[in-house]
Amino acid sequence: MLLVIALFYLAREHYGHVSLLLPYAILLLCPLMHLLGHHRGGHGRHGETDDTTKGGRSG
């Protein structure tokens, strides 16, 4: 509970400083989210199986 109170106090006291940096933080997080997000979801391979490695015919 003490940690919550301390975080609230810090957020309230420094909101003016942090709010000026928020647009830059969002811009800096975009490339990071792009790099980390591409390993999830699998682009373009939904429902496909790799038959060529299992001895099947492709086509």
C-alpha atoms as a PDB file:
ATOM      1  CA  MET A   1       0.000   0.000   0.000  1.00  0.00           C
ATOM      2  CA  LEU A   2       2.897   2.294   0.761  1.00  0.00           C
ATOM      3  CA  LEU A   3       4.269   1.684  -2.734  1.00  0.00           C
ATOM      4  CA  VAL A   4       0.968   2.752  -4.298  1.00  0.00           C
ATOM      5  CA  ILE A   5       0.963   5.966  -2.281  1.00  0.00           C
ATOM      6  CA  ALA A   6       4.566   6.704  -3.267  1.00  0.00           C
ATOM      7  CA  LEU A   7       3.840   6.076  -6.966  1.00  0.00           C
ATOM      8  CA  PHE A   8       0.778   8.318  -6.821  1.00  0.00           C
ATOM      9  CA  TYR A   9       2.808  11.089  -5.183  1.00  0.00           C
ATOM     10  CA  LEU A  10       5.584  10.816  -7.766  1.00  0.00           C
ATOM     11  CA  ALA A  11       3.121  10.784 -10.656  1.00  0.00           C
ATOM     12  CA  ARG A  12       1.281  13.807  -9.307  1.00  0.00           C
ATOM     13  CA  GLU A  13       4.385  15.842  -8.579  1.00  0.00           C
ATOM     14  CA  HIS A  14       6.175  15.100 -11.830  1.00  0.00           C
ATOM     15  CA  TYR A  15       3.234  14.992 -14.236  1.00  0.00           C
ATOM     16  CA  GLY A  16       4.281  18.298 -15.809  1.00  0.00           C
ATOM     17  CA  HIS A  17       7.701  16.936 -16.687  1.00  0.00           C
ATOM     18  CA  VAL A  18       6.518  13.524 -17.845  1.00  0.00           C
ATOM     19  CA  SER A  19       3.673  14.871 -19.965  1.00  0.00           C
ATOM     20  CA  LEU A  20       6.149  16.853 -22.066  1.00  0.00           C
ATOM     21  CA  LEU A  21       8.132  13.692 -22.817  1.00  0.00           C
ATOM     22  CA  LEU A  22       5.145  11.440 -23.513  1.00  0.00           C
ATOM     23  CA  PRO A  23       4.963  12.063 -27.317  1.00  0.00           C
ATOM     24  CA  TYR A  24       8.665  11.270 -27.647  1.00  0.00           C
ATOM     25  CA  ALA A  25       8.284   8.133 -25.553  1.00  0.00           C
ATOM     26  CA  ILE A  26       5.486   6.927 -27.830  1.00  0.00           C
ATOM     27  CA  LEU A  27       7.625   7.583 -30.915  1.00  0.00           C
ATOM     28  CA  LEU A  28      10.543   5.714 -29.380  1.00  0.00           C
ATOM     29  CA  LEU A  29       8.351   2.755 -28.436  1.00  0.00           C
ATOM     30  CA  CYS A  30       6.910   2.332 -31.952  1.00  0.00           C
ATOM     31  CA  PRO A  31      10.019   0.707 -33.505  1.00  0.00           C
ATOM     32  CA  LEU A  32      10.481  -1.476 -30.448  1.00  0.00           C
ATOM     33  CA  MET A  33       6.880  -2.687 -30.580  1.00  0.00           C
ATOM     34  CA  HIS A  34       7.242  -3.272 -34.321  1.00  0.00           C
ATOM     35  CA  LEU A  35      10.322  -5.443 -33.882  1.00  0.00           C
ATOM     36  CA  LEU A  36       8.921  -7.423 -30.974  1.00  0.00           C
ATOM     37  CA  GLY A  37       5.439  -7.764 -32.444  1.00  0.00           C
ATOM     38  CA  HIS A  38       6.483  -9.437 -35.693  1.00  0.00           C
ATOM     39  CA  HIS A  39       7.443 -12.650 -33.942  1.00  0.00           C
ATOM     40  CA  ARG A  40       3.845 -13.191 -32.935  1.00  0.00           C
ATOM     41  CA  GLY A  41       0.921 -13.814 -35.256  1.00  0.00           C
ATOM     42  CA  GLY A  42       2.847 -15.210 -38.245  1.00  0.00           C
ATOM     43  CA  HIS A  43       2.466 -13.002 -41.300  1.00  0.00           C
ATOM     44  CA  GLY A  44       1.081 -14.789 -44.355  1.00  0.00           C
ATOM     45  CA  ARG A  45       1.235 -18.368 -43.027  1.00  0.00           C
ATOM     46  CA  HIS A  46      -2.223 -18.841 -41.612  1.00  0.00           C
ATOM     47  CA  GLY A  47      -3.397 -22.408 -42.190  1.00  0.00           C
ATOM     48  CA  GLU A  48      -0.539 -23.460 -44.491  1.00  0.00           C
ATOM     49  CA  THR A  49       1.398 -26.685 -44.045  1.00  0.00           C
ATOM     50  CA  ASP A  50       4.887 -27.369 -45.304  1.00  0.00           C
ATOM     51  CA  ASP A  51       4.337 -30.511 -47.425  1.00  0.00           C
ATOM     52  CA  THR A  52       7.650 -30.262 -49.267  1.00  0.00           C
ATOM     53  CA  THR A  53       9.666 -31.215 -46.163  1.00  0.00           C
ATOM     54  CA  LYS A  54       7.373 -34.183 -45.415  1.00  0.00           C
ATOM     55  CA  GLY A  55       7.820 -35.848 -48.804  1.00  0.00           C
ATOM     56  CA  GLY A  56       4.584 -34.591 -50.330  1.00  0.00           C
ATOM     57  CA  ARG A  57       4.149 -32.965 -53.721  1.00  0.00           C
ATOM     58  CA  SER A  58       3.794 -29.225 -53.976  1.00  0.00           C
ATOM     59  CA  GLY A  59       1.351 -27.754 -56.390  1.00  0.00           C
END
